[in-house]
Protein backbone atom coordinates (compact mmCIF):
# COMPACT_ATOMS: atom_id res chain seq x y z
CA MET A 1 31.32 52.62 -16.08
CA ARG A 2 31.56 53.98 -12.34
CA THR A 3 31.55 50.51 -11.27
CA PHE A 4 34.46 49.34 -13.28
CA PRO A 5 37.78 48.92 -11.79
CA ASP A 6 40.69 51.34 -12.58
CA ASN A 7 43.03 50.62 -15.57
CA THR A 8 41.22 47.42 -16.98
CA ILE A 9 39.70 48.01 -20.44
CA ASP A 10 42.40 47.60 -23.37
CA LEU A 11 40.22 49.23 -25.98
CA ILE A 12 37.05 51.61 -26.04
CA VAL A 13 35.80 52.06 -29.47
CA THR A 14 32.68 53.59 -29.89
CA SER A 15 30.06 56.07 -31.89
CA PRO A 16 27.96 58.11 -29.47
CA PRO A 17 24.98 59.71 -30.82
CA TYR A 18 26.06 62.91 -32.52
CA ALA A 19 24.90 66.26 -31.48
CA ASP A 20 21.04 66.71 -32.05
CA ALA A 21 20.90 63.32 -33.96
CA ARG A 22 18.80 60.28 -33.36
CA LYS A 23 16.32 61.69 -31.41
CA HIS A 24 13.64 59.42 -31.91
CA THR A 25 16.07 56.93 -30.50
CA TYR A 26 18.35 58.55 -27.68
CA GLY A 27 16.56 61.83 -27.32
CA GLY A 28 19.19 63.93 -28.72
CA ILE A 29 22.08 66.01 -27.09
CA PRO A 30 21.89 69.68 -28.42
CA ALA A 31 25.25 70.96 -29.77
CA ASP A 32 25.92 73.63 -27.21
CA LYS A 33 25.59 71.17 -24.45
CA TYR A 34 27.80 68.23 -25.80
CA VAL A 35 30.90 68.82 -24.64
CA SER A 36 29.69 68.85 -21.09
CA TRP A 37 27.67 66.03 -21.72
CA PHE A 38 30.14 63.79 -23.13
CA THR A 39 33.14 64.89 -20.59
CA GLU A 40 31.18 63.32 -17.91
CA ARG A 41 31.43 59.89 -19.52
CA SER A 42 35.03 60.35 -20.90
CA GLU A 43 36.29 61.21 -17.39
CA GLU A 44 35.19 57.61 -16.38
CA MET A 45 36.44 56.19 -19.51
CA LEU A 46 40.04 57.70 -18.80
CA ARG A 47 39.95 56.17 -15.69
CA ILE A 48 39.10 52.74 -16.25
CA LEU A 49 41.17 52.52 -19.49
CA ALA A 50 44.53 50.55 -19.18
CA PRO A 51 47.97 52.53 -19.42
CA HIS A 52 48.79 50.84 -22.81
CA GLY A 53 44.97 51.08 -24.15
CA SER A 54 43.21 53.31 -26.77
CA PHE A 55 40.10 55.04 -27.25
CA VAL A 56 38.56 55.50 -30.38
CA LEU A 57 35.85 57.99 -31.07
CA ASN A 58 33.73 58.01 -34.20
CA ILE A 59 32.11 61.36 -34.58
CA LYS A 60 31.16 64.10 -36.97
CA GLU A 61 30.33 67.89 -36.95
CA LYS A 62 26.75 68.99 -38.08
CA ALA A 63 25.72 72.27 -39.69
CA VAL A 64 23.70 74.81 -37.50
CA ASN A 65 22.26 77.91 -39.30
CA GLY A 66 24.13 77.51 -42.26
CA GLU A 67 27.81 76.74 -40.84
CA ARG A 68 29.54 74.03 -39.37
CA HIS A 69 28.94 73.56 -35.40
CA THR A 70 32.59 73.56 -33.70
CA TYR A 71 31.49 70.95 -31.06
CA VAL A 72 33.52 68.54 -32.27
CA LEU A 73 36.74 70.65 -31.86
CA GLN A 74 35.66 72.02 -28.84
CA LEU A 75 35.57 68.21 -27.61
CA ILE A 76 39.10 67.44 -28.41
CA LEU A 77 40.28 70.40 -26.48
CA ALA A 78 38.27 69.45 -23.60
CA LEU A 79 39.48 65.58 -23.86
CA LYS A 80 42.97 67.39 -23.91
CA GLU A 81 42.52 69.34 -20.58
CA GLN A 82 40.65 66.14 -18.89
CA GLY A 83 44.11 64.50 -19.41
CA TRP A 84 43.76 62.33 -22.70
CA ARG A 85 46.32 62.11 -25.34
CA TRP A 86 45.10 62.92 -28.79
CA THR A 87 47.44 60.51 -30.45
CA GLU A 88 45.70 60.29 -34.27
CA GLU A 89 43.15 61.11 -36.37
CA TYR A 90 41.70 58.59 -38.81
CA ILE A 91 39.41 59.74 -41.53
CA TRP A 92 36.61 57.43 -42.97
CA HIS A 93 36.46 58.04 -46.59
CA LYS A 94 32.99 56.58 -47.27
CA THR A 95 33.32 55.28 -50.81
CA THR A 96 29.25 55.23 -51.42
CA ALA A 97 28.11 58.11 -49.51
CA ALA A 98 24.23 58.73 -50.04
CA PRO A 99 23.70 61.31 -52.42
CA GLY A 100 21.97 64.60 -51.51
CA LYS A 101 21.91 68.49 -52.18
CA TRP A 102 22.19 71.28 -49.69
CA LYS A 103 22.35 74.89 -50.37
CA TYR A 104 25.94 75.75 -49.18
CA ARG A 105 27.59 72.16 -49.41
CA PHE A 106 28.00 68.98 -50.98
CA ARG A 107 27.36 65.53 -49.42
CA ASP A 108 29.10 64.40 -46.76
CA SER A 109 31.68 61.67 -47.61
CA TRP A 110 33.68 61.55 -44.42
CA GLU A 111 34.01 61.03 -40.79
CA ARG A 112 36.53 61.47 -38.05
CA LEU A 113 37.68 58.38 -36.17
CA LEU A 114 39.64 60.15 -33.44
CA HIS A 115 42.47 58.08 -31.38
CA PHE A 116 43.10 59.17 -27.81
CA THR A 117 45.29 57.09 -25.38
CA LYS A 118 46.34 58.04 -21.73
CA THR A 119 49.93 57.42 -21.72
CA PRO A 120 52.73 57.50 -24.68
CA ASP A 121 53.36 53.82 -24.40
CA VAL A 122 50.51 52.53 -26.60
CA ARG A 123 49.76 48.98 -27.63
CA MET A 124 49.74 48.69 -31.35
CA ASN A 125 49.83 45.62 -33.54
CA GLN A 126 50.57 47.36 -37.05
CA GLU A 127 51.44 44.14 -38.76
CA ALA A 128 47.79 42.89 -37.92
CA VAL A 129 46.23 45.64 -40.08
CA LYS A 130 48.30 45.57 -43.35
CA VAL A 131 46.76 45.76 -46.46
CA PRO A 132 47.20 44.43 -49.95
CA VAL A 133 50.12 46.71 -51.91
CA GLY A 134 47.89 46.87 -55.00
CA ASP A 135 48.01 45.96 -58.90
CA TRP A 136 50.29 49.11 -59.70
CA THR A 137 53.30 47.70 -58.60
CA ALA A 138 53.34 45.19 -61.38
CA LYS A 139 53.70 47.70 -64.20
CA ARG A 140 55.61 50.34 -62.21
CA LEU A 141 58.39 48.03 -61.02
CA ALA A 142 58.77 45.99 -64.30
CA ASN A 143 59.88 49.71 -65.91
CA MET A 144 62.11 51.04 -62.93
CA SER A 145 65.06 53.33 -64.14
CA ALA A 146 68.30 53.39 -62.45
CA ASN A 147 66.83 56.55 -60.57
CA ASP A 148 64.38 54.36 -59.22
CA ARG A 149 66.80 52.10 -57.49
CA GLU A 150 68.25 54.95 -55.49
CA ARG A 151 66.96 56.90 -52.63
CA GLN A 152 66.06 60.40 -54.36
CA GLU A 153 66.00 63.05 -51.26
CA SER A 154 63.26 65.58 -51.30
CA GLY A 155 63.95 68.59 -53.19
CA THR A 156 62.52 70.74 -50.06
CA GLY A 157 65.33 69.42 -47.81
CA SER A 158 62.96 67.84 -45.58
CA ASN A 159 65.07 64.61 -45.26
CA ILE A 160 62.17 62.55 -46.84
CA GLY A 161 63.10 60.42 -49.96
CA ARG A 162 61.74 57.83 -52.02
CA LYS A 163 63.27 54.65 -53.66
CA ILE A 164 60.69 52.79 -55.77
CA ALA A 165 62.73 49.69 -55.64
CA ALA A 166 61.90 49.29 -52.12
CA TRP A 167 58.36 47.89 -53.24
CA GLU A 168 59.82 45.35 -54.91
CA ASP A 169 58.39 41.60 -53.18
CA ARG A 170 56.17 43.43 -51.12
CA LYS A 171 52.56 41.93 -51.23
CA THR A 172 51.17 43.81 -48.23
CA VAL A 173 51.86 47.46 -46.82
CA PHE A 174 50.93 49.53 -43.92
CA PRO A 175 47.52 51.44 -44.34
CA SER A 176 47.35 55.10 -44.36
CA ASN A 177 45.07 57.03 -41.98
CA VAL A 178 42.61 57.49 -44.46
CA LEU A 179 40.49 54.29 -44.73
CA HIS A 180 38.22 54.16 -47.92
CA LYS A 181 35.45 51.96 -46.52
CA PRO A 182 31.70 51.93 -47.57
CA PRO A 183 29.19 52.63 -45.03
CA ILE A 184 27.50 49.54 -45.46
CA CYS A 185 26.05 47.42 -42.39
CA HIS A 186 23.67 44.67 -41.73
CA ASN A 187 22.01 45.83 -38.51
CA THR A 188 19.29 47.50 -40.39
CA GLY A 189 17.04 47.50 -37.09
CA HIS A 190 19.04 50.43 -35.77
CA SER A 191 19.03 54.13 -36.59
CA ALA A 192 22.98 54.08 -36.63
CA ALA A 193 24.46 51.08 -36.87
CA PHE A 194 28.39 50.36 -37.15
CA PRO A 195 29.83 48.52 -40.39
CA GLU A 196 31.70 45.61 -38.80
CA TRP A 197 34.81 46.41 -40.40
CA LEU A 198 35.38 49.70 -38.40
CA PRO A 199 35.69 48.25 -34.72
CA GLU A 200 37.24 45.08 -36.37
CA PHE A 201 40.32 47.08 -37.89
CA PHE A 202 40.82 48.87 -34.38
CA ILE A 203 40.48 45.76 -32.62
CA LYS A 204 42.98 44.23 -34.61
CA LEU A 205 45.45 47.17 -34.40
CA PHE A 206 45.31 48.03 -30.73
CA THR A 207 44.51 44.52 -28.63
CA ASN A 208 45.34 41.01 -28.49
CA GLU A 209 43.37 37.82 -28.02
CA GLY A 210 41.72 38.07 -24.67
CA ASP A 211 41.98 41.74 -23.87
CA ILE A 212 38.69 43.71 -22.91
CA VAL A 213 36.77 45.74 -25.57
CA LEU A 214 34.45 48.22 -24.39
CA ASP A 215 31.65 50.09 -26.37
CA PRO A 216 29.63 52.42 -23.92
CA PHE A 217 27.52 53.46 -26.52
CA LEU A 218 26.80 49.80 -27.63
CA GLY A 219 23.72 50.58 -30.07
CA SER A 220 23.13 47.59 -32.07
CA GLY A 221 26.11 45.60 -30.70
CA THR A 222 28.50 45.40 -33.91
CA THR A 223 31.51 46.29 -31.44
CA TYR A 224 30.61 43.37 -29.31
CA ARG A 225 29.92 40.89 -31.92
CA VAL A 226 32.96 41.70 -33.71
CA ALA A 227 35.15 41.50 -30.35
CA ASN A 228 33.89 38.32 -29.47
CA ARG A 229 34.48 36.67 -32.85
CA LEU A 230 38.23 38.10 -32.85
CA LEU A 231 38.52 36.19 -29.11
CA ARG A 232 38.37 39.35 -27.07
CA VAL A 233 36.30 39.87 -24.08
CA PRO A 234 33.47 42.31 -25.28
CA VAL A 235 31.86 44.39 -22.82
CA GLY A 236 29.24 46.80 -23.78
CA ILE A 237 26.54 49.63 -22.32
CA GLU A 238 23.38 50.46 -23.81
CA ILE A 239 20.37 52.58 -22.58
CA ASP A 240 18.11 50.73 -24.88
CA GLU A 241 17.16 47.50 -23.30
CA SER A 242 15.80 45.80 -26.26
CA ALA A 243 18.93 46.47 -28.42
CA ALA A 244 21.22 44.92 -25.46
CA MET A 245 18.76 42.06 -24.78
CA ALA A 246 18.98 41.45 -28.71
CA LEU A 247 22.71 40.16 -28.01
CA GLN A 248 21.96 37.71 -25.18
């Protein structure tokens, strides 16, 4: 990344090796050293990201000695100190999480998708990621009361209200920041491959055709292939030469 010009990348979307994870593939980074290891790289990401650009980081805490390690929380604060804006956090709810049993906790069914930017002026194509409104509307809207046709203010005095009739004739709506998706992917030759929907969602949301999309931990190349399919300019960095060669 040190060779890239300033302010040229429209989107960075990546999932780096988690702390102490994938040791057989990448050697592993101890949780206590993770922040310093990552911020050396994120300093370059901040420099090369365009002012309107976004950085999406898929990452997850781990348990050490029976408790959750705080390296992800420490990393968020360190990125803010570095100059990043923590614009949003999306939660990936894994609808088909693998079963398991642990002494003090249940199986992990979610991961963080942290959205960082360098300025408040962020490109965001919200219309590009609308989702179907859902089957619930047919029955609910067919039985509306007079109360449903007027805006009802919240009893808490928050100035937030609802109007059920506002859902009439809507086929699609904006998604929430909880993404209910399975962890299914087809890159079975890699130890931690992305499902294709993940980079696709953020590429559609934060870029236009012809924009440059970077994955600095390319892995099996999912981000690269999806960006190429969506007519963006894909760029990837990968320490495993055999994985990178597979894209050529």
